[in-house]
């Protein structure tokens, strides 16, 4: 679609709202210009320091219920990619089938986007999905404020002087809103993977399919105990991990079995709770593409993509478990591993998308554990 059509569409849809306002729960107000949809919204305001990857983050179910603030000054410059799918009907460029954020806050909106794979502008995409965006504010200042408050604050985007209440997504079971409702099958590979969808990113599917897997994707509350599979994966997802009592119960039963288990992000927290640990909210949340972690197994360090405000407290884990990775900024737990059984999990995103792919090798480790378990070699 040629650029002039973008601008024509934006101007045609643009309502005459002089200024929009971001209101934080402490009463702070930021006046801003708007793009996207001229609607008000409420949620948990978080930040991300990434320079690229906004289409992936905006469609990442881990951001459900959140208003995403980008510290990088220019957003929208390469538009939104085309809507194409793999033969397994998985989006090639998005991490889910819809926008997951409740709003977007940026410093400067690039209204002249260009990229060879661009399908439309960021503003048009937000407009079509009824998601508001704000620009013209100091997002780095906002990020500093959020960081001092545990990495997030409740907030709302107001287009007019309406009385919109604050909304805390951490009080809800967000996986009910972002997980599938019925079982879905992918691929016809050698290794049978049961994948529990708490808010799955599509790149987890892509990473497994590249490794000769058959994937059985099931809802967040699916009882997988009696199912047959070669390996179990617990996906990423949004919200407070303590809310998910049912899958934690199933996990405690799964830990009595021998099939390999791999937890990612929220999956790491749920596995840790099932293993006897607790979770707490971080003072400074991890929300960026440049979070450094170190493997306590090898001593090697990696740069990782992260988006979480909760973390595992491992003090109550039994002696059967040990810390797998630590965060090099604050020394918090970034993963756990069982001493004898093929169970492990990580807090960061080895599937990346967006972000560095330094730790995608963890999928290979998982497949190797399946091989050893399956063939007793």
Protein backbone atom coordinates (compact mmCIF):
# COMPACT_ATOMS: atom_id res chain seq x y z
CA UNK A 1 0.00 0.00 0.00
CA UNK A 2 1.63 3.32 -1.02
CA UNK A 3 2.46 5.83 1.67
CA UNK A 4 -0.13 8.52 0.66
CA UNK A 5 -2.94 6.04 1.36
CA UNK A 6 -1.65 5.64 4.92
CA UNK A 7 -1.83 9.35 5.56
CA UNK A 8 -5.25 9.66 3.94
CA UNK A 9 -6.58 6.90 6.14
CA UNK A 10 -5.11 8.40 9.29
CA UNK A 11 -6.50 11.86 8.62
CA UNK A 12 -9.92 10.52 7.67
CA UNK A 13 -10.18 8.60 10.93
CA UNK A 14 -8.61 11.20 13.17
CA UNK A 15 -11.10 12.77 15.55
CA UNK A 16 -10.70 16.31 16.82
CA UNK A 17 -9.25 15.64 20.23
CA UNK A 18 -6.84 18.41 21.20
CA UNK A 19 -4.85 16.49 23.80
CA UNK A 20 -4.98 13.12 25.51
CA UNK A 21 -3.85 12.48 29.08
CA UNK A 22 -1.95 9.67 30.80
CA UNK A 23 -2.91 9.43 34.49
CA UNK A 24 -0.89 7.30 36.92
CA UNK A 25 -2.25 5.90 40.16
CA UNK A 26 -0.25 8.40 42.25
CA UNK A 27 -2.13 11.24 40.54
CA UNK A 28 0.64 12.22 38.10
CA UNK A 29 -0.76 13.45 34.79
CA UNK A 30 0.99 13.71 31.42
CA UNK A 31 -0.59 15.63 28.56
CA UNK A 32 0.17 14.12 25.13
CA UNK A 33 -0.83 13.89 21.50
CA UNK A 34 -2.55 10.74 20.35
CA UNK A 35 -2.35 8.27 17.49
CA UNK A 36 -4.14 5.01 16.89
CA UNK A 37 -7.71 4.79 18.18
CA UNK A 38 -9.30 7.78 19.96
CA UNK A 39 -10.52 5.63 22.86
CA UNK A 40 -9.70 5.62 26.56
CA UNK A 41 -8.05 2.66 28.26
CA UNK A 42 -6.91 1.46 31.67
CA UNK A 43 -4.31 -1.06 32.81
CA UNK A 44 -0.86 -1.61 34.29
CA UNK A 45 1.69 0.82 32.84
CA UNK A 46 5.02 -0.92 32.13
CA UNK A 47 8.07 -0.02 30.09
CA UNK A 48 10.39 -1.62 27.54
CA UNK A 49 13.85 -0.37 26.56
CA UNK A 50 14.12 -2.24 23.24
CA UNK A 51 15.13 -0.41 20.05
CA UNK A 52 13.22 -2.74 17.72
CA UNK A 53 10.55 -5.42 17.83
CA UNK A 54 7.43 -3.42 18.63
CA UNK A 55 5.10 -5.61 16.47
CA UNK A 56 6.26 -8.68 18.40
CA UNK A 57 5.90 -7.05 21.81
CA UNK A 58 2.51 -5.53 21.03
CA UNK A 59 1.19 -9.00 20.12
CA UNK A 60 2.93 -10.81 23.00
CA UNK A 61 0.22 -12.21 25.34
CA UNK A 62 2.53 -11.54 28.30
CA UNK A 63 1.56 -7.86 27.88
CA UNK A 64 -2.17 -8.54 28.28
CA UNK A 65 -3.76 -5.85 30.43
CA UNK A 66 -0.69 -3.62 30.24
CA UNK A 67 -0.08 -0.16 28.77
CA UNK A 68 3.35 -0.42 27.16
CA UNK A 69 5.78 2.51 27.35
CA UNK A 70 8.79 2.52 25.02
CA UNK A 71 11.92 4.36 26.12
CA UNK A 72 13.46 4.23 22.65
CA UNK A 73 12.62 7.65 21.15
CA UNK A 74 11.39 6.68 17.67
CA UNK A 75 8.65 4.07 17.24
CA UNK A 76 6.67 3.22 14.11
CA UNK A 77 9.43 3.93 11.59
CA UNK A 78 9.17 0.55 9.87
CA UNK A 79 5.41 0.17 10.10
CA UNK A 80 3.66 -3.15 10.63
CA UNK A 81 4.63 -6.30 8.70
CA UNK A 82 2.46 -8.30 6.33
CA UNK A 83 -0.10 -10.80 7.57
CA UNK A 84 1.37 -14.06 6.28
CA UNK A 85 1.25 -17.55 7.77
CA UNK A 86 3.30 -20.74 7.75
CA UNK A 87 1.88 -24.03 6.48
CA UNK A 88 0.90 -24.78 10.10
CA UNK A 89 -1.20 -21.55 10.12
CA UNK A 90 1.20 -19.78 12.49
CA UNK A 91 1.76 -16.08 11.88
CA UNK A 92 5.24 -15.46 10.49
CA UNK A 93 5.75 -12.05 12.08
CA UNK A 94 3.41 -11.78 15.07
CA UNK A 95 3.47 -13.50 18.46
CA UNK A 96 -0.29 -14.03 18.63
CA UNK A 97 -3.34 -13.43 16.46
CA UNK A 98 -4.19 -9.99 17.91
CA UNK A 99 -2.87 -6.92 19.71
CA UNK A 100 -2.49 -7.72 23.41
CA UNK A 101 -1.49 -4.38 24.95
CA UNK A 102 -4.15 -2.03 26.30
CA UNK A 103 -2.32 1.05 25.08
CA UNK A 104 0.99 2.34 23.76
CA UNK A 105 3.04 5.32 25.01
CA UNK A 106 6.00 6.60 22.98
CA UNK A 107 8.14 9.68 22.69
CA UNK A 108 8.05 10.31 18.93
CA UNK A 109 5.70 8.67 16.46
CA UNK A 110 7.22 8.17 13.01
CA UNK A 111 4.31 8.92 10.65
CA UNK A 112 6.33 8.26 7.49
CA UNK A 113 7.15 4.56 7.89
CA UNK A 114 8.93 2.48 5.31
CA UNK A 115 10.00 -1.17 5.10
CA UNK A 116 10.00 -3.72 2.29
CA UNK A 117 7.62 -5.95 4.27
CA UNK A 118 5.36 -3.20 5.59
CA UNK A 119 1.62 -3.81 5.36
CA UNK A 120 0.35 -0.67 7.11
CA UNK A 121 1.33 2.01 9.59
CA UNK A 122 1.43 1.46 13.34
CA UNK A 123 -1.27 4.10 13.85
CA UNK A 124 -3.65 2.46 11.39
CA UNK A 125 -3.09 -0.93 12.99
CA UNK A 126 -3.88 0.42 16.45
CA UNK A 127 -6.91 2.27 15.09
CA UNK A 128 -8.36 -0.85 13.47
CA UNK A 129 -7.96 -2.75 16.74
CA UNK A 130 -9.35 0.07 18.94
CA UNK A 131 -6.10 0.55 20.86
CA UNK A 132 -4.99 4.07 21.89
CA UNK A 133 -1.49 5.42 21.55
CA UNK A 134 0.13 8.53 23.06
CA UNK A 135 3.22 10.41 21.88
CA UNK A 136 5.02 13.61 22.71
CA UNK A 137 5.94 12.73 26.31
CA UNK A 138 9.27 11.99 27.98
CA UNK A 139 9.00 8.20 28.12
CA UNK A 140 12.41 7.80 29.75
CA UNK A 141 11.27 9.98 32.64
CA UNK A 142 8.13 7.85 32.94
CA UNK A 143 10.25 4.67 32.87
CA UNK A 144 12.41 5.98 35.73
CA UNK A 145 9.27 6.69 37.73
CA UNK A 146 7.88 3.23 36.99
CA UNK A 147 11.17 1.59 37.88
CA UNK A 148 11.15 3.18 41.33
CA UNK A 149 7.68 1.67 41.84
CA UNK A 150 8.57 -1.93 41.07
CA UNK A 151 8.61 -1.49 37.29
CA UNK A 152 4.92 -0.72 36.92
CA UNK A 153 2.04 1.44 38.10
CA UNK A 154 -1.64 1.39 37.40
CA UNK A 155 -2.62 3.99 34.85
CA UNK A 156 -5.17 5.10 32.32
CA UNK A 157 -5.23 6.86 28.97
CA UNK A 158 -8.01 9.45 28.77
CA UNK A 159 -9.11 10.96 25.47
CA UNK A 160 -11.80 13.09 27.08
CA UNK A 161 -12.83 14.02 30.61
CA UNK A 162 -14.55 10.70 31.28
CA UNK A 163 -14.37 8.96 34.66
CA UNK A 164 -12.52 5.72 33.87
CA UNK A 165 -11.53 3.57 36.89
CA UNK A 166 -8.05 2.12 37.30
CA UNK A 167 -7.73 -1.54 36.35
CA UNK A 168 -5.26 -3.95 37.97
CA UNK A 169 -4.74 -6.96 35.65
CA UNK A 170 -2.82 -8.81 38.36
CA UNK A 171 -6.11 -9.46 40.14
CA UNK A 172 -7.46 -11.41 37.16
CA UNK A 173 -6.73 -14.79 35.62
CA UNK A 174 -5.35 -13.35 32.39
CA UNK A 175 -4.58 -16.75 30.89
CA UNK A 176 -8.33 -17.29 30.56
CA UNK A 177 -8.32 -14.33 28.19
CA UNK A 178 -5.27 -15.18 26.08
CA UNK A 179 -5.04 -18.98 26.09
CA UNK A 180 -6.69 -21.21 23.52
CA UNK A 181 -9.92 -22.96 24.53
CA UNK A 182 -9.53 -26.23 22.64
CA UNK A 183 -6.60 -28.49 21.85
CA UNK A 184 -4.61 -27.67 18.67
CA UNK A 185 -2.10 -29.92 16.90
CA UNK A 186 0.97 -28.77 14.95
CA UNK A 187 3.51 -30.67 12.88
CA UNK A 188 4.23 -34.33 12.43
CA UNK A 189 7.67 -34.64 13.95
CA UNK A 190 9.57 -37.25 15.86
CA UNK A 191 9.09 -35.85 19.36
CA UNK A 192 5.65 -35.48 20.92
CA UNK A 193 5.46 -32.25 22.92
CA UNK A 194 2.59 -31.27 25.19
CA UNK A 195 2.59 -27.47 25.30
CA UNK A 196 0.49 -25.77 27.99
CA UNK A 197 -0.65 -22.37 26.72
CA UNK A 198 -0.71 -19.70 29.45
CA UNK A 199 -0.29 -16.94 26.87
CA UNK A 200 1.95 -18.59 24.33
CA UNK A 201 4.28 -16.68 22.02
CA UNK A 202 4.23 -18.06 18.48
CA UNK A 203 8.01 -18.31 18.29
CA UNK A 204 7.94 -21.14 20.82
CA UNK A 205 5.94 -23.09 18.24
CA UNK A 206 8.39 -22.14 15.48
CA UNK A 207 11.40 -23.18 17.58
CA UNK A 208 9.86 -26.60 18.32
CA UNK A 209 8.74 -27.26 14.74
CA UNK A 210 12.30 -26.59 13.54
CA UNK A 211 13.40 -29.36 15.91
CA UNK A 212 11.25 -32.14 14.44
CA UNK A 213 8.44 -31.96 17.00
CA UNK A 214 4.76 -32.79 16.97
CA UNK A 215 3.07 -30.26 19.22
CA UNK A 216 -0.12 -30.71 21.22
CA UNK A 217 -1.11 -27.23 22.39
CA UNK A 218 -3.59 -27.29 25.26
CA UNK A 219 -5.46 -24.63 27.32
CA UNK A 220 -3.98 -23.21 30.53
CA UNK A 221 -6.22 -25.33 32.80
CA UNK A 222 -5.98 -28.60 30.85
CA UNK A 223 -5.47 -31.75 32.93
CA UNK A 224 -2.45 -33.26 31.19
CA UNK A 225 -1.58 -35.85 33.85
CA UNK A 226 -3.03 -38.87 32.02
CA UNK A 227 -1.82 -37.79 28.57
CA UNK A 228 1.08 -39.47 26.82
CA UNK A 229 3.89 -37.22 25.64
CA UNK A 230 7.65 -37.16 25.30
CA UNK A 231 8.12 -33.74 26.87
CA UNK A 232 6.09 -31.05 28.63
CA UNK A 233 6.53 -27.30 28.03
CA UNK A 234 4.98 -24.59 30.21
CA UNK A 235 4.68 -21.41 28.18
CA UNK A 236 5.07 -17.77 29.04
CA UNK A 237 2.01 -15.78 30.03
CA UNK A 238 0.68 -12.73 31.88
CA UNK A 239 -0.31 -11.94 35.42
CA UNK A 240 0.30 -13.04 38.99
CA UNK A 241 1.55 -16.69 39.09
CA UNK A 242 -0.18 -17.42 42.42
CA UNK A 243 -3.58 -17.18 40.71
CA UNK A 244 -2.98 -20.35 38.67
CA UNK A 245 -3.80 -22.94 41.33
CA UNK A 246 -5.16 -25.62 39.00
CA UNK A 247 -2.09 -25.97 36.73
CA UNK A 248 0.18 -25.81 39.79
CA UNK A 249 -1.69 -28.83 41.17
CA UNK A 250 -1.22 -30.71 37.89
CA UNK A 251 2.46 -29.80 37.88
CA UNK A 252 2.99 -31.26 41.34
CA UNK A 253 1.68 -34.55 39.97
CA UNK A 254 3.80 -34.26 36.81
CA UNK A 255 6.93 -33.85 38.95
CA UNK A 256 6.39 -37.42 40.16
CA UNK A 257 6.83 -38.65 36.58
CA UNK A 258 9.98 -38.79 34.46
CA UNK A 259 9.07 -37.02 31.23
CA UNK A 260 11.20 -33.90 30.64
CA UNK A 261 9.69 -30.53 31.64
CA UNK A 262 10.73 -27.12 30.34
CA UNK A 263 9.20 -23.94 31.79
CA UNK A 264 9.48 -20.48 30.20
CA UNK A 265 8.82 -17.15 31.98
CA UNK A 266 5.47 -17.68 33.78
CA UNK A 267 6.11 -21.40 33.27
CA UNK A 268 9.29 -21.01 35.33
CA UNK A 269 7.37 -19.40 38.18
CA UNK A 270 4.65 -22.07 38.13
CA UNK A 271 7.21 -24.89 38.11
CA UNK A 272 9.02 -23.23 41.02
CA UNK A 273 5.81 -22.94 43.06
CA UNK A 274 4.96 -26.58 42.32
CA UNK A 275 8.45 -27.51 43.53
CA UNK A 276 7.91 -25.77 46.87
CA UNK A 277 9.08 -22.23 46.11
CA UNK A 278 7.30 -18.91 46.35
CA UNK A 279 7.09 -15.80 44.17
CA UNK A 280 7.33 -12.12 44.99
CA UNK A 281 7.17 -8.86 43.07
CA UNK A 282 10.49 -7.36 42.07
CA UNK A 283 11.54 -3.94 43.30
CA UNK A 284 12.93 -3.27 39.81
CA UNK A 285 11.13 -5.31 37.16
CA UNK A 286 12.99 -6.85 34.22
CA UNK A 287 11.56 -5.38 31.00
CA UNK A 288 14.08 -5.16 28.20
CA UNK A 289 16.08 -6.97 25.53
CA UNK A 290 19.40 -6.61 27.33
CA UNK A 291 19.01 -8.43 30.63
CA UNK A 292 22.29 -10.25 31.44
CA UNK A 293 22.09 -13.71 33.01
CA UNK A 294 24.72 -16.25 33.99
CA UNK A 295 24.44 -20.02 33.85
CA UNK A 296 25.53 -21.56 37.15
CA UNK A 297 26.11 -24.82 35.24
CA UNK A 298 28.69 -23.48 32.78
CA UNK A 299 29.67 -20.03 34.09
CA UNK A 300 28.73 -18.49 30.73
CA UNK A 301 26.78 -15.24 30.48
CA UNK A 302 24.02 -14.39 28.01
CA UNK A 303 21.93 -11.38 27.00
CA UNK A 304 18.22 -12.14 27.20
CA UNK A 305 14.78 -10.72 26.46
CA UNK A 306 12.54 -10.34 29.51
CA UNK A 307 9.18 -8.92 30.58
CA UNK A 308 8.20 -9.77 34.13
CA UNK A 309 7.52 -8.18 37.48
CA UNK A 310 7.38 -11.38 39.55
CA UNK A 311 10.31 -13.65 40.37
CA UNK A 312 10.94 -16.94 42.16
CA UNK A 313 12.01 -17.03 45.79
CA UNK A 314 13.95 -20.31 45.91
CA UNK A 315 14.67 -20.45 49.65
CA UNK A 316 11.99 -23.10 50.25
CA UNK A 317 12.95 -25.35 47.35
CA UNK A 318 14.02 -28.83 48.40
CA UNK A 319 17.59 -30.05 47.98
CA UNK A 320 16.49 -31.79 44.78
CA UNK A 321 16.55 -28.43 42.99
CA UNK A 322 19.17 -25.79 42.37
CA UNK A 323 19.35 -22.42 40.66
CA UNK A 324 20.06 -22.74 36.93
CA UNK A 325 20.54 -19.06 35.96
CA UNK A 326 20.96 -15.81 37.90
CA UNK A 327 20.39 -12.23 36.81
CA UNK A 328 23.69 -10.36 36.74
CA UNK A 329 22.06 -7.02 37.60
CA UNK A 330 20.24 -7.92 40.82
CA UNK A 331 21.29 -11.55 41.45
CA UNK A 332 17.68 -12.80 41.36
CA UNK A 333 16.77 -16.30 40.20
CA UNK A 334 16.44 -16.66 36.41
CA UNK A 335 15.79 -20.39 36.31
CA UNK A 336 15.86 -23.65 38.23
CA UNK A 337 16.95 -27.20 37.40
CA UNK A 338 16.37 -30.56 39.07
CA UNK A 339 19.42 -32.47 40.28
CA UNK A 340 18.30 -35.88 39.01
CA UNK A 341 15.20 -35.61 36.84
CA UNK A 342 14.99 -33.88 33.41
CA UNK A 343 13.17 -30.79 34.71
CA UNK A 344 14.31 -27.20 34.20
CA UNK A 345 12.92 -23.73 33.60
CA UNK A 346 14.07 -20.19 32.83
CA UNK A 347 12.58 -16.79 33.61
CA UNK A 348 13.72 -15.16 30.36
CA UNK A 349 12.61 -15.80 26.76
CA UNK A 350 14.88 -18.27 24.90
CA UNK A 351 12.53 -18.01 21.90
CA UNK A 352 13.28 -14.25 21.77
CA UNK A 353 11.07 -12.59 19.11
CA UNK A 354 11.75 -9.90 19.74
CA UNK A 355 15.17 -9.75 21.31
CA UNK A 356 18.50 -11.63 21.24
CA UNK A 357 18.55 -15.30 20.30
CA UNK A 358 21.52 -16.14 22.53
CA UNK A 359 19.66 -18.79 24.56
CA UNK A 360 17.65 -20.60 21.90
CA UNK A 361 20.01 -23.54 22.54
CA UNK A 362 17.83 -24.35 25.57
CA UNK A 363 15.32 -25.93 23.18
CA UNK A 364 18.14 -28.22 22.00
CA UNK A 365 18.88 -29.16 25.61
CA UNK A 366 15.21 -30.00 26.07
CA UNK A 367 15.17 -32.19 22.95
CA UNK A 368 18.36 -33.95 24.10
CA UNK A 369 16.70 -34.71 27.44
CA UNK A 370 13.75 -36.22 25.54
CA UNK A 371 16.12 -38.39 23.49
CA UNK A 372 17.83 -39.69 26.62
CA UNK A 373 14.51 -40.28 28.37
CA UNK A 374 12.82 -41.84 25.36
CA UNK A 375 15.60 -44.15 24.29
CA UNK A 376 17.26 -44.67 27.70
CA UNK A 377 20.66 -43.77 26.29
